[in-house]
Amino acid sequence: MNKHDETNETVCPVARSVGVVGDKWTILVLRELYMGTTRFEEIQIQTGATPQMLTSRLKALETGGLVERRPYNEKPLRYEYQLTAKGWDFYPVIYALRAWGETWCKGEDEGLAMHFVHRACGHDVGVASVCPNCGVPVERKDLQPSISERFLAERTARREAFKGR
């Protein structure tokens, strides 16, 4: 956290957490990392962030201990970004935002953007954190994600538009 950030002046964990991950770009970067996107350009394409915005958010996540930067190419030197244990521990927050957004931020005629199937029993959990079929609380490691055709088409269109510039 920034030394001059007023969230350092409080013991409130919500204020301190928002100080680390409290803006749209950081949340979207984390979404991409949870979806398996690890390279700068693809994260930029899927979030719509400018290179400067993305660089600052990735550096902040690295400083905050949520992300590690690892080289994947020597010449030219290129990095990919991997979630740390601390980064993975934030996943329930993203999952809760997804559930809230699926419920309150879209039209009734839209299906789920992402589906998560409980690996143990093979049933879709919808937006729940407990499998509706077997009643077991689920974590990210328990779920097999799949992207809807509509969301996949949206992501593909972003990539094609970016490459076409």
C-alpha atoms as a PDB file:
ATOM      1  CA  MET A   1       0.000   0.000   0.000  1.00  0.00           C
ATOM      2  CA  ASN A   2       1.020   3.579  -0.583  1.00  0.00           C
ATOM      3  CA  LYS A   3       2.475   5.173   2.576  1.00  0.00           C
ATOM      4  CA  HIS A   4       0.235   8.196   2.084  1.00  0.00           C
ATOM      5  CA  ASP A   5      -2.901   6.173   1.544  1.00  0.00           C
ATOM      6  CA  GLU A   6      -5.423   7.095   4.225  1.00  0.00           C
ATOM      7  CA  THR A   7      -6.479   3.428   4.518  1.00  0.00           C
ATOM      8  CA  ASN A   8      -3.239   2.952   6.481  1.00  0.00           C
ATOM      9  CA  GLU A   9      -4.815   5.127   9.145  1.00  0.00           C
ATOM     10  CA  THR A  10      -7.629   2.689   9.854  1.00  0.00           C
ATOM     11  CA  VAL A  11      -7.952  -0.809  11.230  1.00  0.00           C
ATOM     12  CA  CYS A  12     -10.983  -1.370   8.986  1.00  0.00           C
ATOM     13  CA  PRO A  13     -10.239  -4.424   6.804  1.00  0.00           C
ATOM     14  CA  VAL A  14     -12.697  -3.295   4.121  1.00  0.00           C
ATOM     15  CA  ALA A  15     -10.946   0.065   3.697  1.00  0.00           C
ATOM     16  CA  ARG A  16      -7.556  -1.637   3.630  1.00  0.00           C
ATOM     17  CA  SER A  17      -8.735  -4.211   1.074  1.00  0.00           C
ATOM     18  CA  VAL A  18     -10.179  -1.520  -1.174  1.00  0.00           C
ATOM     19  CA  GLY A  19      -6.788   0.179  -0.958  1.00  0.00           C
ATOM     20  CA  VAL A  20      -5.275  -2.876  -2.647  1.00  0.00           C
ATOM     21  CA  VAL A  21      -7.954  -3.976  -5.133  1.00  0.00           C
ATOM     22  CA  GLY A  22     -10.527  -1.201  -5.137  1.00  0.00           C
ATOM     23  CA  ASP A  23     -10.873  -0.095  -8.731  1.00  0.00           C
ATOM     24  CA  LYS A  24     -12.413  -1.420 -11.935  1.00  0.00           C
ATOM     25  CA  TRP A  25      -9.105  -2.080 -13.695  1.00  0.00           C
ATOM     26  CA  THR A  26      -7.607  -4.109 -10.868  1.00  0.00           C
ATOM     27  CA  ILE A  27     -10.741  -6.238 -10.572  1.00  0.00           C
ATOM     28  CA  LEU A  28     -10.769  -6.855 -14.339  1.00  0.00           C
ATOM     29  CA  VAL A  29      -7.063  -7.769 -14.303  1.00  0.00           C
ATOM     30  CA  LEU A  30      -7.749 -10.271 -11.530  1.00  0.00           C
ATOM     31  CA  ARG A  31     -10.710 -11.670 -13.503  1.00  0.00           C
ATOM     32  CA  GLU A  32      -8.391 -12.318 -16.426  1.00  0.00           C
ATOM     33  CA  LEU A  33      -5.800 -13.995 -14.238  1.00  0.00           C
ATOM     34  CA  TYR A  34      -8.486 -16.283 -12.765  1.00  0.00           C
ATOM     35  CA  MET A  35      -9.556 -17.124 -16.314  1.00  0.00           C
ATOM     36  CA  GLY A  36      -6.000 -18.222 -17.095  1.00  0.00           C
ATOM     37  CA  THR A  37      -4.882 -15.160 -19.046  1.00  0.00           C
ATOM     38  CA  THR A  38      -1.284 -14.476 -18.010  1.00  0.00           C
ATOM     39  CA  ARG A  39       0.287 -12.300 -20.702  1.00  0.00           C
ATOM     40  CA  PHE A  40       0.222  -8.517 -20.780  1.00  0.00           C
ATOM     41  CA  GLU A  41      -1.214  -8.058 -24.273  1.00  0.00           C
ATOM     42  CA  GLU A  42      -4.093 -10.490 -23.761  1.00  0.00           C
ATOM     43  CA  ILE A  43      -4.927  -8.951 -20.373  1.00  0.00           C
ATOM     44  CA  GLN A  44      -4.914  -5.540 -22.086  1.00  0.00           C
ATOM     45  CA  ILE A  45      -7.182  -6.792 -24.879  1.00  0.00           C
ATOM     46  CA  GLN A  46      -9.724  -8.340 -22.532  1.00  0.00           C
ATOM     47  CA  THR A  47      -9.831  -5.514 -19.986  1.00  0.00           C
ATOM     48  CA  GLY A  48      -9.631  -2.590 -22.404  1.00  0.00           C
ATOM     49  CA  ALA A  49      -7.024  -0.934 -20.191  1.00  0.00           C
ATOM     50  CA  THR A  50      -4.389   1.317 -21.681  1.00  0.00           C
ATOM     51  CA  PRO A  51      -0.823  -0.020 -21.449  1.00  0.00           C
ATOM     52  CA  GLN A  52      -0.043   2.566 -18.758  1.00  0.00           C
ATOM     53  CA  MET A  53      -3.141   1.685 -16.729  1.00  0.00           C
ATOM     54  CA  LEU A  54      -2.434  -2.028 -16.980  1.00  0.00           C
ATOM     55  CA  THR A  55       1.237  -1.602 -16.066  1.00  0.00           C
ATOM     56  CA  SER A  56       0.330   0.376 -12.944  1.00  0.00           C
ATOM     57  CA  ARG A  57      -2.304  -2.165 -11.859  1.00  0.00           C
ATOM     58  CA  LEU A  58      -0.004  -5.144 -12.405  1.00  0.00           C
ATOM     59  CA  LYS A  59       2.790  -3.413 -10.473  1.00  0.00           C
ATOM     60  CA  ALA A  60       0.387  -2.649  -7.619  1.00  0.00           C
ATOM     61  CA  LEU A  61      -0.812  -6.264  -7.553  1.00  0.00           C
ATOM     62  CA  GLU A  62       2.808  -7.419  -7.546  1.00  0.00           C
ATOM     63  CA  THR A  63       3.711  -4.994  -4.751  1.00  0.00           C
ATOM     64  CA  GLY A  64       0.634  -6.144  -2.840  1.00  0.00           C
ATOM     65  CA  GLY A  65       1.745  -9.758  -3.136  1.00  0.00           C
ATOM     66  CA  LEU A  66      -1.211 -10.968  -5.228  1.00  0.00           C
ATOM     67  CA  VAL A  67       0.757 -11.493  -8.444  1.00  0.00           C
ATOM     68  CA  GLU A  68       4.220 -12.680  -9.407  1.00  0.00           C
ATOM     69  CA  ARG A  69       5.891 -11.647 -12.627  1.00  0.00           C
ATOM     70  CA  ARG A  70       7.803 -14.459 -14.364  1.00  0.00           C
ATOM     71  CA  PRO A  71       9.829 -14.316 -17.585  1.00  0.00           C
ATOM     72  CA  TYR A  72       8.520 -16.486 -20.409  1.00  0.00           C
ATOM     73  CA  ASN A  73      10.811 -15.150 -23.172  1.00  0.00           C
ATOM     74  CA  GLU A  74      14.470 -14.146 -22.983  1.00  0.00           C
ATOM     75  CA  LYS A  75      14.936 -12.068 -26.175  1.00  0.00           C
ATOM     76  CA  PRO A  76      13.086  -9.840 -26.052  1.00  0.00           C
ATOM     77  CA  LEU A  77      12.497 -10.188 -22.324  1.00  0.00           C
ATOM     78  CA  ARG A  78       8.772 -10.758 -21.779  1.00  0.00           C
ATOM     79  CA  TYR A  79       6.881 -11.571 -18.617  1.00  0.00           C
ATOM     80  CA  GLU A  80       3.714 -13.370 -17.697  1.00  0.00           C
ATOM     81  CA  TYR A  81       1.764 -12.816 -14.518  1.00  0.00           C
ATOM     82  CA  GLN A  82       0.821 -15.579 -12.104  1.00  0.00           C
ATOM     83  CA  LEU A  83      -1.419 -15.409  -9.075  1.00  0.00           C
ATOM     84  CA  THR A  84       0.203 -16.065  -5.711  1.00  0.00           C
ATOM     85  CA  ALA A  85      -1.546 -17.841  -2.833  1.00  0.00           C
ATOM     86  CA  LYS A  86      -2.646 -14.385  -1.646  1.00  0.00           C
ATOM     87  CA  GLY A  87      -4.049 -13.669  -5.116  1.00  0.00           C
ATOM     88  CA  TRP A  88      -5.957 -16.961  -5.192  1.00  0.00           C
ATOM     89  CA  ASP A  89      -7.384 -16.191  -1.756  1.00  0.00           C
ATOM     90  CA  PHE A  90      -9.141 -13.166  -3.306  1.00  0.00           C
ATOM     91  CA  TYR A  91     -11.063 -15.443  -5.702  1.00  0.00           C
ATOM     92  CA  PRO A  92     -14.196 -15.751  -3.505  1.00  0.00           C
ATOM     93  CA  VAL A  93     -14.630 -11.973  -3.810  1.00  0.00           C
ATOM     94  CA  ILE A  94     -14.575 -12.177  -7.621  1.00  0.00           C
ATOM     95  CA  TYR A  95     -16.912 -15.186  -7.500  1.00  0.00           C
ATOM     96  CA  ALA A  96     -19.323 -13.212  -5.311  1.00  0.00           C
ATOM     97  CA  LEU A  97     -19.163 -10.224  -7.719  1.00  0.00           C
ATOM     98  CA  ARG A  98     -19.923 -12.606 -10.575  1.00  0.00           C
ATOM     99  CA  ALA A  99     -22.929 -14.051  -8.732  1.00  0.00           C
ATOM    100  CA  TRP A 100     -24.249 -10.592  -7.878  1.00  0.00           C
ATOM    101  CA  GLY A 101     -23.709  -9.380 -11.462  1.00  0.00           C
ATOM    102  CA  GLU A 102     -25.408 -12.451 -12.946  1.00  0.00           C
ATOM    103  CA  THR A 103     -28.397 -11.772 -10.703  1.00  0.00           C
ATOM    104  CA  TRP A 104     -28.691  -7.979 -10.812  1.00  0.00           C
ATOM    105  CA  CYS A 105     -26.733  -6.526 -13.734  1.00  0.00           C
ATOM    106  CA  LYS A 106     -28.166  -8.084 -16.866  1.00  0.00           C
ATOM    107  CA  GLY A 107     -31.370  -8.776 -18.735  1.00  0.00           C
ATOM    108  CA  GLU A 108     -33.635 -11.684 -17.839  1.00  0.00           C
ATOM    109  CA  ASP A 109     -33.153 -13.177 -21.311  1.00  0.00           C
ATOM    110  CA  GLU A 110     -29.380 -13.479 -20.906  1.00  0.00           C
ATOM    111  CA  GLY A 111     -27.883 -16.761 -19.798  1.00  0.00           C
ATOM    112  CA  LEU A 112     -24.899 -17.153 -17.512  1.00  0.00           C
ATOM    113  CA  ALA A 113     -21.642 -15.807 -18.954  1.00  0.00           C
ATOM    114  CA  MET A 114     -19.666 -18.517 -17.164  1.00  0.00           C
ATOM    115  CA  HIS A 115     -20.709 -21.941 -16.004  1.00  0.00           C
ATOM    116  CA  PHE A 116     -19.060 -23.794 -13.161  1.00  0.00           C
ATOM    117  CA  VAL A 117     -19.545 -27.529 -12.810  1.00  0.00           C
ATOM    118  CA  HIS A 118     -18.826 -29.217  -9.505  1.00  0.00           C
ATOM    119  CA  ARG A 119     -16.092 -31.721 -10.381  1.00  0.00           C
ATOM    120  CA  ALA A 120     -17.172 -34.169  -7.666  1.00  0.00           C
ATOM    121  CA  CYS A 121     -20.765 -34.652  -8.814  1.00  0.00           C
ATOM    122  CA  GLY A 122     -20.838 -33.166 -12.341  1.00  0.00           C
ATOM    123  CA  HIS A 123     -23.618 -30.639 -11.704  1.00  0.00           C
ATOM    124  CA  ASP A 124     -23.625 -26.949 -12.619  1.00  0.00           C
ATOM    125  CA  VAL A 125     -23.545 -24.843  -9.465  1.00  0.00           C
ATOM    126  CA  GLY A 126     -25.036 -21.760 -11.153  1.00  0.00           C
ATOM    127  CA  VAL A 127     -24.044 -18.763  -9.044  1.00  0.00           C
ATOM    128  CA  ALA A 128     -24.012 -20.662  -5.740  1.00  0.00           C
ATOM    129  CA  SER A 129     -21.082 -21.312  -3.435  1.00  0.00           C
ATOM    130  CA  VAL A 130     -22.717 -24.548  -2.319  1.00  0.00           C
ATOM    131  CA  CYS A 131     -23.475 -27.237  -4.884  1.00  0.00           C
ATOM    132  CA  PRO A 132     -27.272 -27.357  -5.241  1.00  0.00           C
ATOM    133  CA  ASN A 133     -27.076 -31.067  -6.128  1.00  0.00           C
ATOM    134  CA  CYS A 134     -24.970 -32.504  -3.312  1.00  0.00           C
ATOM    135  CA  GLY A 135     -24.976 -29.638  -0.783  1.00  0.00           C
ATOM    136  CA  VAL A 136     -21.177 -29.410  -0.553  1.00  0.00           C
ATOM    137  CA  PRO A 137     -19.536 -25.968  -0.233  1.00  0.00           C
ATOM    138  CA  VAL A 138     -17.385 -25.402  -3.332  1.00  0.00           C
ATOM    139  CA  GLU A 139     -14.132 -23.543  -3.887  1.00  0.00           C
ATOM    140  CA  ARG A 140     -12.465 -22.629  -7.181  1.00  0.00           C
ATOM    141  CA  LYS A 141     -10.387 -25.828  -7.174  1.00  0.00           C
ATOM    142  CA  ASP A 142     -13.634 -27.847  -6.970  1.00  0.00           C
ATOM    143  CA  LEU A 143     -15.118 -26.269 -10.094  1.00  0.00           C
ATOM    144  CA  GLN A 144     -14.647 -26.826 -13.820  1.00  0.00           C
ATOM    145  CA  PRO A 145     -15.289 -23.496 -15.567  1.00  0.00           C
ATOM    146  CA  SER A 146     -16.673 -23.087 -19.062  1.00  0.00           C
ATOM    147  CA  ILE A 147     -17.386 -19.882 -20.910  1.00  0.00           C
ATOM    148  CA  SER A 148     -20.707 -19.293 -22.647  1.00  0.00           C
ATOM    149  CA  GLU A 149     -20.759 -18.959 -26.434  1.00  0.00           C
ATOM    150  CA  ARG A 150     -21.895 -15.350 -26.110  1.00  0.00           C
ATOM    151  CA  PHE A 151     -19.070 -14.393 -23.722  1.00  0.00           C
ATOM    152  CA  LEU A 152     -16.533 -16.278 -25.850  1.00  0.00           C
ATOM    153  CA  ALA A 153     -17.720 -14.405 -28.958  1.00  0.00           C
ATOM    154  CA  GLU A 154     -17.371 -11.094 -27.102  1.00  0.00           C
ATOM    155  CA  ARG A 155     -13.812 -11.955 -26.035  1.00  0.00           C
ATOM    156  CA  THR A 156     -12.909 -13.117 -29.554  1.00  0.00           C
ATOM    157  CA  ALA A 157     -14.293  -9.891 -31.057  1.00  0.00           C
ATOM    158  CA  ARG A 158     -12.167  -7.816 -28.642  1.00  0.00           C
ATOM    159  CA  ARG A 159      -9.063  -9.772 -29.648  1.00  0.00           C
ATOM    160  CA  GLU A 160      -9.803  -9.388 -33.372  1.00  0.00           C
ATOM    161  CA  ALA A 161     -10.492  -5.649 -33.000  1.00  0.00           C
ATOM    162  CA  PHE A 162      -7.229  -5.197 -31.113  1.00  0.00           C
ATOM    163  CA  LYS A 163      -5.201  -7.139 -33.687  1.00  0.00           C
ATOM    164  CA  GLY A 164      -6.896  -5.192 -36.512  1.00  0.00           C
ATOM    165  CA  ARG A 165      -5.739  -1.802 -35.257  1.00  0.00           C
END
